[in-house]
All heavy atoms as atom14 arrays in JSON, in Angstrom:
{
  "sequence": "MQEILAKAAGLHVVPEFLGNRAPFADPHTRAVIAGLGMKDDIKS",
  "atom14_mask": [
    [1, 1, 1, 1, 1, 1, 1, 1, 0, 0, 0, 0, 0, 0],
    [1, 1, 1, 1, 1, 1, 1, 1, 1, 0, 0, 0, 0, 0],
    [1, 1, 1, 1, 1, 1, 1, 1, 1, 0, 0, 0, 0, 0],
    [1, 1, 1, 1, 1, 1, 1, 1, 0, 0, 0, 0, 0, 0],
    [1, 1, 1, 1, 1, 1, 1, 1, 0, 0, 0, 0, 0, 0],
    [1, 1, 1, 1, 1, 0, 0, 0, 0, 0, 0, 0, 0, 0],
    [1, 1, 1, 1, 1, 1, 1, 1, 1, 0, 0, 0, 0, 0],
    [1, 1, 1, 1, 1, 0, 0, 0, 0, 0, 0, 0, 0, 0],
    [1, 1, 1, 1, 1, 0, 0, 0, 0, 0, 0, 0, 0, 0],
    [1, 1, 1, 1, 0, 0, 0, 0, 0, 0, 0, 0, 0, 0],
    [1, 1, 1, 1, 1, 1, 1, 1, 0, 0, 0, 0, 0, 0],
    [1, 1, 1, 1, 1, 1, 1, 1, 1, 1, 0, 0, 0, 0],
    [1, 1, 1, 1, 1, 1, 1, 0, 0, 0, 0, 0, 0, 0],
    [1, 1, 1, 1, 1, 1, 1, 0, 0, 0, 0, 0, 0, 0],
    [1, 1, 1, 1, 1, 1, 1, 0, 0, 0, 0, 0, 0, 0],
    [1, 1, 1, 1, 1, 1, 1, 1, 1, 0, 0, 0, 0, 0],
    [1, 1, 1, 1, 1, 1, 1, 1, 1, 1, 1, 0, 0, 0],
    [1, 1, 1, 1, 1, 1, 1, 1, 0, 0, 0, 0, 0, 0],
    [1, 1, 1, 1, 0, 0, 0, 0, 0, 0, 0, 0, 0, 0],
    [1, 1, 1, 1, 1, 1, 1, 1, 0, 0, 0, 0, 0, 0],
    [1, 1, 1, 1, 1, 1, 1, 1, 1, 1, 1, 0, 0, 0],
    [1, 1, 1, 1, 1, 0, 0, 0, 0, 0, 0, 0, 0, 0],
    [1, 1, 1, 1, 1, 1, 1, 0, 0, 0, 0, 0, 0, 0],
    [1, 1, 1, 1, 1, 1, 1, 1, 1, 1, 1, 0, 0, 0],
    [1, 1, 1, 1, 1, 0, 0, 0, 0, 0, 0, 0, 0, 0],
    [1, 1, 1, 1, 1, 1, 1, 1, 0, 0, 0, 0, 0, 0],
    [1, 1, 1, 1, 1, 1, 1, 0, 0, 0, 0, 0, 0, 0],
    [1, 1, 1, 1, 1, 1, 1, 1, 1, 1, 0, 0, 0, 0],
    [1, 1, 1, 1, 1, 1, 1, 0, 0, 0, 0, 0, 0, 0],
    [1, 1, 1, 1, 1, 1, 1, 1, 1, 1, 1, 0, 0, 0],
    [1, 1, 1, 1, 1, 0, 0, 0, 0, 0, 0, 0, 0, 0],
    [1, 1, 1, 1, 1, 1, 1, 0, 0, 0, 0, 0, 0, 0],
    [1, 1, 1, 1, 1, 1, 1, 1, 0, 0, 0, 0, 0, 0],
    [1, 1, 1, 1, 1, 0, 0, 0, 0, 0, 0, 0, 0, 0],
    [1, 1, 1, 1, 0, 0, 0, 0, 0, 0, 0, 0, 0, 0],
    [1, 1, 1, 1, 1, 1, 1, 1, 0, 0, 0, 0, 0, 0],
    [1, 1, 1, 1, 0, 0, 0, 0, 0, 0, 0, 0, 0, 0],
    [1, 1, 1, 1, 1, 1, 1, 1, 0, 0, 0, 0, 0, 0],
    [1, 1, 1, 1, 1, 1, 1, 1, 1, 0, 0, 0, 0, 0],
    [1, 1, 1, 1, 1, 1, 1, 1, 0, 0, 0, 0, 0, 0],
    [1, 1, 1, 1, 1, 1, 1, 1, 0, 0, 0, 0, 0, 0],
    [1, 1, 1, 1, 1, 1, 1, 1, 0, 0, 0, 0, 0, 0],
    [1, 1, 1, 1, 1, 1, 1, 1, 1, 0, 0, 0, 0, 0],
    [1, 1, 1, 1, 1, 1, 0, 0, 0, 0, 0, 0, 0, 0]
  ],
  "atom14_positions": [
    [[0.79, -1.22, -0.01], [-0.05, 0.04, 0.06], [0.82, 1.23, 0.0], [0.42, 2.32, -0.47], [-0.94, 0.02, 1.17], [-2.05, -1.02, 1.09], [-3.1, -0.89, -0.35], [-3.76, 0.78, -0.19], [0.0, 0.0, 0.0], [0.0, 0.0, 0.0], [0.0, 0.0, 0.0], [0.0, 0.0, 0.0], [0.0, 0.0, 0.0], [0.0, 0.0, 0.0]],
    [[2.03, 1.24, 0.51], [2.89, 2.46, 0.56], [3.21, 2.9, -0.86], [3.12, 4.09, -1.19], [4.16, 2.25, 1.35], [4.92, 3.48, 1.69], [5.77, 3.35, 2.91], [5.66, 2.4, 3.68], [6.6, 4.26, 3.1], [0.0, 0.0, 0.0], [0.0, 0.0, 0.0], [0.0, 0.0, 0.0], [0.0, 0.0, 0.0], [0.0, 0.0, 0.0]],
    [[3.52, 1.92, -1.69], [3.82, 2.31, -3.16], [2.55, 2.77, -3.84], [2.59, 3.64, -4.71], [4.53, 1.13, -3.79], [5.95, 0.86, -3.39], [6.62, -0.11, -4.27], [6.18, -0.46, -5.28], [7.8, -0.53, -3.89], [0.0, 0.0, 0.0], [0.0, 0.0, 0.0], [0.0, 0.0, 0.0], [0.0, 0.0, 0.0], [0.0, 0.0, 0.0]],
    [[1.43, 2.11, -3.54], [0.19, 2.52, -4.18], [-0.18, 3.96, -3.82], [-0.54, 4.77, -4.66], [-0.94, 1.57, -3.79], [-0.71, 0.14, -4.43], [-2.31, 2.12, -4.26], [-1.65, -0.88, -3.95], [0.0, 0.0, 0.0], [0.0, 0.0, 0.0], [0.0, 0.0, 0.0], [0.0, 0.0, 0.0], [0.0, 0.0, 0.0], [0.0, 0.0, 0.0]],
    [[-0.06, 4.3, -2.49], [-0.36, 5.58, -2.01], [0.56, 6.6, -2.6], [0.16, 7.77, -2.81], [-0.43, 5.62, -0.51], [-0.88, 6.86, 0.15], [-2.36, 7.21, -0.24], [-0.78, 6.75, 1.68], [0.0, 0.0, 0.0], [0.0, 0.0, 0.0], [0.0, 0.0, 0.0], [0.0, 0.0, 0.0], [0.0, 0.0, 0.0], [0.0, 0.0, 0.0]],
    [[1.81, 6.25, -2.81], [2.79, 7.13, -3.38], [2.47, 7.61, -4.78], [2.9, 8.71, -5.15], [4.17, 6.5, -3.31], [0.0, 0.0, 0.0], [0.0, 0.0, 0.0], [0.0, 0.0, 0.0], [0.0, 0.0, 0.0], [0.0, 0.0, 0.0], [0.0, 0.0, 0.0], [0.0, 0.0, 0.0], [0.0, 0.0, 0.0], [0.0, 0.0, 0.0]],
    [[1.66, 6.78, -5.52], [1.3, 7.21, -6.81], [0.44, 8.52, -6.84], [0.41, 9.24, -7.84], [0.49, 6.16, -7.51], [1.23, 4.8, -7.69], [0.26, 3.73, -8.28], [1.01, 2.32, -8.38], [1.91, 2.33, -9.5], [0.0, 0.0, 0.0], [0.0, 0.0, 0.0], [0.0, 0.0, 0.0], [0.0, 0.0, 0.0], [0.0, 0.0, 0.0]],
    [[-0.23, 8.81, -5.73], [-1.1, 9.99, -5.65], [-0.41, 11.1, -4.84], [-1.06, 12.02, -4.36], [-2.45, 9.59, -5.01], [0.0, 0.0, 0.0], [0.0, 0.0, 0.0], [0.0, 0.0, 0.0], [0.0, 0.0, 0.0], [0.0, 0.0, 0.0], [0.0, 0.0, 0.0], [0.0, 0.0, 0.0], [0.0, 0.0, 0.0], [0.0, 0.0, 0.0]],
    [[0.88, 11.0, -4.67], [1.62, 11.99, -3.8], [1.4, 13.41, -4.4], [1.5, 13.69, -5.6], [3.16, 11.7, -3.81], [0.0, 0.0, 0.0], [0.0, 0.0, 0.0], [0.0, 0.0, 0.0], [0.0, 0.0, 0.0], [0.0, 0.0, 0.0], [0.0, 0.0, 0.0], [0.0, 0.0, 0.0], [0.0, 0.0, 0.0], [0.0, 0.0, 0.0]],
    [[1.02, 14.37, -3.53], [0.78, 15.74, -3.98], [-0.51, 15.96, -4.64], [-0.89, 17.16, -5.0], [0.0, 0.0, 0.0], [0.0, 0.0, 0.0], [0.0, 0.0, 0.0], [0.0, 0.0, 0.0], [0.0, 0.0, 0.0], [0.0, 0.0, 0.0], [0.0, 0.0, 0.0], [0.0, 0.0, 0.0], [0.0, 0.0, 0.0], [0.0, 0.0, 0.0]],
    [[-1.34, 14.94, -4.84], [-2.68, 15.12, -5.49], [-3.71, 14.87, -4.49], [-3.81, 13.8, -3.79], [-2.82, 14.06, -6.59], [-3.95, 14.16, -7.56], [-4.09, 15.55, -8.24], [-3.86, 13.05, -8.62], [0.0, 0.0, 0.0], [0.0, 0.0, 0.0], [0.0, 0.0, 0.0], [0.0, 0.0, 0.0], [0.0, 0.0, 0.0], [0.0, 0.0, 0.0]],
    [[-4.66, 15.81, -4.29], [-5.64, 15.78, -3.3], [-7.03, 15.99, -3.85], [-7.17, 16.95, -4.75], [-5.45, 16.78, -2.16], [-4.07, 16.61, -1.5], [-3.84, 15.79, -0.45], [-2.83, 17.12, -1.86], [-2.55, 15.76, -0.13], [-1.92, 16.58, -1.0], [0.0, 0.0, 0.0], [0.0, 0.0, 0.0], [0.0, 0.0, 0.0], [0.0, 0.0, 0.0]],
    [[-8.08, 15.23, -3.39], [-9.41, 15.4, -3.88], [-10.35, 15.5, -2.81], [-10.38, 14.62, -1.89], [-9.79, 14.19, -4.76], [-11.26, 14.28, -5.21], [-8.88, 14.13, -6.02], [0.0, 0.0, 0.0], [0.0, 0.0, 0.0], [0.0, 0.0, 0.0], [0.0, 0.0, 0.0], [0.0, 0.0, 0.0], [0.0, 0.0, 0.0], [0.0, 0.0, 0.0]],
    [[-11.21, 16.49, -2.78], [-12.41, 16.6, -1.9], [-13.58, 16.27, -2.82], [-14.03, 17.13, -3.58], [-12.52, 17.94, -1.2], [-13.74, 17.93, -0.27], [-11.26, 18.3, -0.52], [0.0, 0.0, 0.0], [0.0, 0.0, 0.0], [0.0, 0.0, 0.0], [0.0, 0.0, 0.0], [0.0, 0.0, 0.0], [0.0, 0.0, 0.0], [0.0, 0.0, 0.0]],
    [[-14.1, 15.06, -2.84], [-15.12, 14.67, -3.84], [-16.52, 15.08, -3.6], [-17.44, 14.23, -3.74], [-14.89, 13.19, -3.94], [-14.52, 12.8, -2.5], [-13.74, 13.93, -1.98], [0.0, 0.0, 0.0], [0.0, 0.0, 0.0], [0.0, 0.0, 0.0], [0.0, 0.0, 0.0], [0.0, 0.0, 0.0], [0.0, 0.0, 0.0], [0.0, 0.0, 0.0]],
    [[-16.76, 16.31, -3.2], [-18.12, 16.76, -2.75], [-18.79, 17.45, -4.0], [-19.18, 18.61, -3.85], [-17.93, 17.6, -1.53], [-17.37, 16.79, -0.36], [-17.29, 17.49, 0.94], [-17.36, 18.75, 0.95], [-17.05, 16.9, 1.98], [0.0, 0.0, 0.0], [0.0, 0.0, 0.0], [0.0, 0.0, 0.0], [0.0, 0.0, 0.0], [0.0, 0.0, 0.0]],
    [[-19.03, 16.74, -5.02], [-19.74, 17.34, -6.18], [-21.12, 17.6, -5.92], [-21.65, 18.52, -6.64], [-19.64, 16.3, -7.36], [-18.22, 16.02, -7.87], [-17.47, 14.94, -7.45], [-17.71, 16.94, -8.84], [-16.17, 14.71, -7.91], [-16.41, 16.72, -9.31], [-15.64, 15.67, -8.87], [0.0, 0.0, 0.0], [0.0, 0.0, 0.0], [0.0, 0.0, 0.0]],
    [[-21.76, 16.94, -4.94], [-23.2, 17.33, -4.57], [-23.26, 17.81, -3.18], [-24.24, 17.61, -2.49], [-24.03, 16.11, -4.79], [-24.6, 15.81, -6.2], [-25.4, 14.58, -6.22], [-25.36, 16.97, -6.77], [0.0, 0.0, 0.0], [0.0, 0.0, 0.0], [0.0, 0.0, 0.0], [0.0, 0.0, 0.0], [0.0, 0.0, 0.0], [0.0, 0.0, 0.0]],
    [[-22.2, 18.47, -2.73], [-22.25, 19.04, -1.4], [-21.79, 18.01, -0.36], [-21.34, 16.9, -0.65], [0.0, 0.0, 0.0], [0.0, 0.0, 0.0], [0.0, 0.0, 0.0], [0.0, 0.0, 0.0], [0.0, 0.0, 0.0], [0.0, 0.0, 0.0], [0.0, 0.0, 0.0], [0.0, 0.0, 0.0], [0.0, 0.0, 0.0], [0.0, 0.0, 0.0]],
    [[-21.92, 18.43, 0.86], [-21.57, 17.54, 2.0], [-22.72, 17.21, 2.84], [-23.42, 18.1, 3.44], [-20.49, 18.21, 2.93], [-20.07, 17.36, 4.07], [-20.85, 17.27, 5.11], [-18.86, 16.84, 3.99], [0.0, 0.0, 0.0], [0.0, 0.0, 0.0], [0.0, 0.0, 0.0], [0.0, 0.0, 0.0], [0.0, 0.0, 0.0], [0.0, 0.0, 0.0]],
    [[-23.17, 15.87, 2.76], [-24.35, 15.52, 3.54], [-24.06, 15.45, 5.05], [-24.85, 15.83, 5.91], [-24.82, 14.1, 3.1], [-26.1, 13.63, 3.82], [-26.36, 12.24, 3.41], [-26.85, 12.02, 2.06], [-26.97, 10.86, 1.5], [-26.67, 9.71, 2.1], [-27.45, 10.77, 0.19], [0.0, 0.0, 0.0], [0.0, 0.0, 0.0], [0.0, 0.0, 0.0]],
    [[-22.9, 14.86, 5.41], [-22.51, 14.78, 6.8], [-20.91, 14.74, 6.9], [-20.22, 14.31, 5.95], [-22.95, 13.46, 7.42], [0.0, 0.0, 0.0], [0.0, 0.0, 0.0], [0.0, 0.0, 0.0], [0.0, 0.0, 0.0], [0.0, 0.0, 0.0], [0.0, 0.0, 0.0], [0.0, 0.0, 0.0], [0.0, 0.0, 0.0], [0.0, 0.0, 0.0]],
    [[-20.41, 15.37, 7.91], [-21.02, 15.93, 9.12], [-21.34, 17.48, 9.07], [-21.69, 18.04, 10.03], [-19.98, 15.73, 10.19], [-18.66, 15.93, 9.5], [-18.95, 15.41, 8.06], [0.0, 0.0, 0.0], [0.0, 0.0, 0.0], [0.0, 0.0, 0.0], [0.0, 0.0, 0.0], [0.0, 0.0, 0.0], [0.0, 0.0, 0.0], [0.0, 0.0, 0.0]],
    [[-21.29, 18.08, 7.84], [-21.5, 19.54, 7.73], [-22.85, 19.88, 7.3], [-23.28, 21.08, 7.35], [-20.38, 20.15, 6.93], [-19.04, 20.01, 7.48], [-18.06, 19.22, 6.78], [-18.67, 20.64, 8.57], [-16.79, 19.05, 7.33], [-17.41, 20.46, 9.12], [-16.47, 19.61, 8.54], [0.0, 0.0, 0.0], [0.0, 0.0, 0.0], [0.0, 0.0, 0.0]],
    [[-23.62, 18.96, 6.73], [-24.92, 19.2, 6.2], [-24.97, 20.48, 5.32], [-25.81, 21.34, 5.5], [-25.87, 19.39, 7.36], [0.0, 0.0, 0.0], [0.0, 0.0, 0.0], [0.0, 0.0, 0.0], [0.0, 0.0, 0.0], [0.0, 0.0, 0.0], [0.0, 0.0, 0.0], [0.0, 0.0, 0.0], [0.0, 0.0, 0.0], [0.0, 0.0, 0.0]],
    [[-24.06, 20.5, 4.37], [-23.89, 21.68, 3.54], [-24.13, 21.37, 1.98], [-23.18, 20.76, 1.39], [-22.47, 22.26, 3.7], [-22.31, 23.54, 2.92], [-23.2, 24.0, 2.14], [-21.21, 24.19, 3.1], [0.0, 0.0, 0.0], [0.0, 0.0, 0.0], [0.0, 0.0, 0.0], [0.0, 0.0, 0.0], [0.0, 0.0, 0.0], [0.0, 0.0, 0.0]],
    [[-25.31, 21.47, 1.5], [-25.52, 21.12, 0.11], [-24.95, 22.01, -0.87], [-24.94, 21.75, -2.09], [-27.08, 21.03, -0.02], [-27.49, 22.1, 1.02], [-26.52, 22.01, 2.14], [0.0, 0.0, 0.0], [0.0, 0.0, 0.0], [0.0, 0.0, 0.0], [0.0, 0.0, 0.0], [0.0, 0.0, 0.0], [0.0, 0.0, 0.0], [0.0, 0.0, 0.0]],
    [[-24.39, 23.19, -0.41], [-23.89, 24.15, -1.37], [-22.37, 24.02, -1.66], [-21.97, 24.53, -2.69], [-24.15, 25.58, -0.77], [-25.57, 25.85, -0.41], [-26.54, 26.05, -1.31], [-26.17, 25.91, 0.71], [-27.75, 26.27, -0.73], [-27.56, 26.19, 0.53], [0.0, 0.0, 0.0], [0.0, 0.0, 0.0], [0.0, 0.0, 0.0], [0.0, 0.0, 0.0]],
    [[-21.62, 23.39, -0.8], [-20.15, 23.23, -1.05], [-19.99, 22.35, -2.25], [-20.88, 21.58, -2.68], [-19.48, 22.74, 0.18], [-18.08, 22.8, -0.03], [-19.84, 21.25, 0.43], [0.0, 0.0, 0.0], [0.0, 0.0, 0.0], [0.0, 0.0, 0.0], [0.0, 0.0, 0.0], [0.0, 0.0, 0.0], [0.0, 0.0, 0.0], [0.0, 0.0, 0.0]],
    [[-18.79, 22.47, -2.81], [-18.51, 21.7, -4.01], [-17.11, 21.06, -4.0], [-16.31, 21.32, -3.05], [-18.62, 22.61, -5.25], [-20.05, 22.95, -5.72], [-20.82, 21.7, -6.01], [-22.26, 21.98, -6.44], [-23.27, 21.81, -5.54], [-23.03, 21.39, -4.25], [-24.52, 22.05, -5.87], [0.0, 0.0, 0.0], [0.0, 0.0, 0.0], [0.0, 0.0, 0.0]],
    [[-16.78, 20.2, -4.98], [-15.6, 19.45, -5.06], [-14.35, 20.31, -5.16], [-14.44, 21.38, -5.69], [-15.69, 18.38, -6.04], [0.0, 0.0, 0.0], [0.0, 0.0, 0.0], [0.0, 0.0, 0.0], [0.0, 0.0, 0.0], [0.0, 0.0, 0.0], [0.0, 0.0, 0.0], [0.0, 0.0, 0.0], [0.0, 0.0, 0.0], [0.0, 0.0, 0.0]],
    [[-13.21, 19.72, -4.83], [-11.92, 20.34, -5.0], [-10.91, 19.35, -5.5], [-10.95, 18.21, -4.96], [-11.34, 21.02, -3.63], [-10.02, 21.56, -3.94], [-12.32, 22.03, -3.11], [0.0, 0.0, 0.0], [0.0, 0.0, 0.0], [0.0, 0.0, 0.0], [0.0, 0.0, 0.0], [0.0, 0.0, 0.0], [0.0, 0.0, 0.0], [0.0, 0.0, 0.0]],
    [[-10.14, 19.65, -6.49], [-9.01, 18.86, -6.98], [-7.87, 19.72, -6.91], [-7.68, 20.82, -7.54], [-9.22, 18.27, -8.39], [-10.54, 17.55, -8.52], [-8.07, 17.4, -8.78], [-10.9, 17.23, -9.93], [0.0, 0.0, 0.0], [0.0, 0.0, 0.0], [0.0, 0.0, 0.0], [0.0, 0.0, 0.0], [0.0, 0.0, 0.0], [0.0, 0.0, 0.0]],
    [[-6.8, 19.39, -6.13], [-5.6, 20.18, -5.96], [-4.37, 19.36, -6.26], [-4.32, 18.11, -5.89], [-5.51, 20.64, -4.53], [0.0, 0.0, 0.0], [0.0, 0.0, 0.0], [0.0, 0.0, 0.0], [0.0, 0.0, 0.0], [0.0, 0.0, 0.0], [0.0, 0.0, 0.0], [0.0, 0.0, 0.0], [0.0, 0.0, 0.0], [0.0, 0.0, 0.0]],
    [[-3.41, 19.92, -6.95], [-2.1, 19.27, -7.22], [-2.05, 18.71, -8.64], [-1.15, 17.89, -8.97], [0.0, 0.0, 0.0], [0.0, 0.0, 0.0], [0.0, 0.0, 0.0], [0.0, 0.0, 0.0], [0.0, 0.0, 0.0], [0.0, 0.0, 0.0], [0.0, 0.0, 0.0], [0.0, 0.0, 0.0], [0.0, 0.0, 0.0], [0.0, 0.0, 0.0]],
    [[-2.99, 19.16, -9.51], [-2.88, 18.75, -10.99], [-1.66, 19.4, -11.65], [-1.34, 20.47, -11.54], [-4.12, 19.08, -11.74], [-5.4, 18.31, -11.36], [-6.62, 18.97, -12.12], [-5.32, 16.81, -11.69], [0.0, 0.0, 0.0], [0.0, 0.0, 0.0], [0.0, 0.0, 0.0], [0.0, 0.0, 0.0], [0.0, 0.0, 0.0], [0.0, 0.0, 0.0]],
    [[-1.03, 18.43, -12.43], [0.04, 18.91, -13.31], [-0.3, 18.8, -14.82], [-1.55, 18.89, -15.08], [0.0, 0.0, 0.0], [0.0, 0.0, 0.0], [0.0, 0.0, 0.0], [0.0, 0.0, 0.0], [0.0, 0.0, 0.0], [0.0, 0.0, 0.0], [0.0, 0.0, 0.0], [0.0, 0.0, 0.0], [0.0, 0.0, 0.0], [0.0, 0.0, 0.0]],
    [[0.67, 18.78, -15.72], [0.44, 18.74, -17.09], [0.23, 17.32, -17.69], [-0.05, 17.13, -18.8], [1.57, 19.37, -17.8], [1.8, 20.91, -17.53], [0.4, 21.81, -18.22], [0.79, 21.75, -19.92], [0.0, 0.0, 0.0], [0.0, 0.0, 0.0], [0.0, 0.0, 0.0], [0.0, 0.0, 0.0], [0.0, 0.0, 0.0], [0.0, 0.0, 0.0]],
    [[0.54, 16.29, -16.93], [0.38, 14.94, -17.4], [-1.08, 14.56, -17.75], [-1.97, 15.0, -16.95], [0.97, 13.97, -16.36], [2.41, 14.01, -16.11], [2.97, 13.09, -15.11], [4.41, 13.24, -14.91], [4.94, 12.18, -13.88], [0.0, 0.0, 0.0], [0.0, 0.0, 0.0], [0.0, 0.0, 0.0], [0.0, 0.0, 0.0], [0.0, 0.0, 0.0]],
    [[-1.2, 13.91, -18.75], [-2.62, 13.56, -19.18], [-2.72, 12.13, -19.62], [-3.62, 11.76, -20.44], [-3.07, 14.49, -20.38], [-2.18, 14.45, -21.58], [-1.17, 13.63, -21.55], [-2.43, 15.15, -22.55], [0.0, 0.0, 0.0], [0.0, 0.0, 0.0], [0.0, 0.0, 0.0], [0.0, 0.0, 0.0], [0.0, 0.0, 0.0], [0.0, 0.0, 0.0]],
    [[-1.77, 11.26, -19.18], [-1.83, 9.88, -19.59], [-2.57, 9.01, -18.59], [-3.05, 9.48, -17.55], [-0.43, 9.4, -19.69], [0.46, 9.54, -18.44], [-0.13, 9.97, -17.42], [1.66, 9.23, -18.4], [0.0, 0.0, 0.0], [0.0, 0.0, 0.0], [0.0, 0.0, 0.0], [0.0, 0.0, 0.0], [0.0, 0.0, 0.0], [0.0, 0.0, 0.0]],
    [[-2.65, 7.71, -18.84], [-3.44, 6.79, -18.01], [-2.71, 6.69, -16.58], [-3.49, 6.59, -15.63], [-3.54, 5.44, -18.67], [-4.54, 5.46, -19.8], [-3.97, 4.38, -17.66], [-4.73, 4.18, -20.61], [0.0, 0.0, 0.0], [0.0, 0.0, 0.0], [0.0, 0.0, 0.0], [0.0, 0.0, 0.0], [0.0, 0.0, 0.0], [0.0, 0.0, 0.0]],
    [[-1.45, 6.81, -16.54], [-0.83, 6.7, -15.23], [-1.27, 7.88, -14.32], [-1.46, 7.61, -13.1], [0.7, 6.88, -15.44], [1.47, 6.72, -14.17], [3.06, 6.76, -14.45], [3.82, 6.63, -13.22], [5.33, 6.69, -13.56], [0.0, 0.0, 0.0], [0.0, 0.0, 0.0], [0.0, 0.0, 0.0], [0.0, 0.0, 0.0], [0.0, 0.0, 0.0]],
    [[-1.47, 9.07, -14.88], [-1.95, 10.15, -14.07], [-3.47, 9.98, -13.76], [-3.92, 10.47, -12.68], [-1.77, 11.46, -14.78], [-2.54, 11.5, -15.99], [0.0, 0.0, 0.0], [0.0, 0.0, 0.0], [0.0, 0.0, 0.0], [0.0, 0.0, 0.0], [0.0, 0.0, 0.0], [0.0, 0.0, 0.0], [0.0, 0.0, 0.0], [0.0, 0.0, 0.0]]
  ]
}
């Protein structure tokens, strides 16, 4: 798992495309993707 997790180093996702049901009960918030680079291949 350490090597698997390392594949996503520096890349972070808050997958709240339809808001946060719990524990914030906030239907207005939205998703975040941080750490994207220029790579566009299957590995990325």
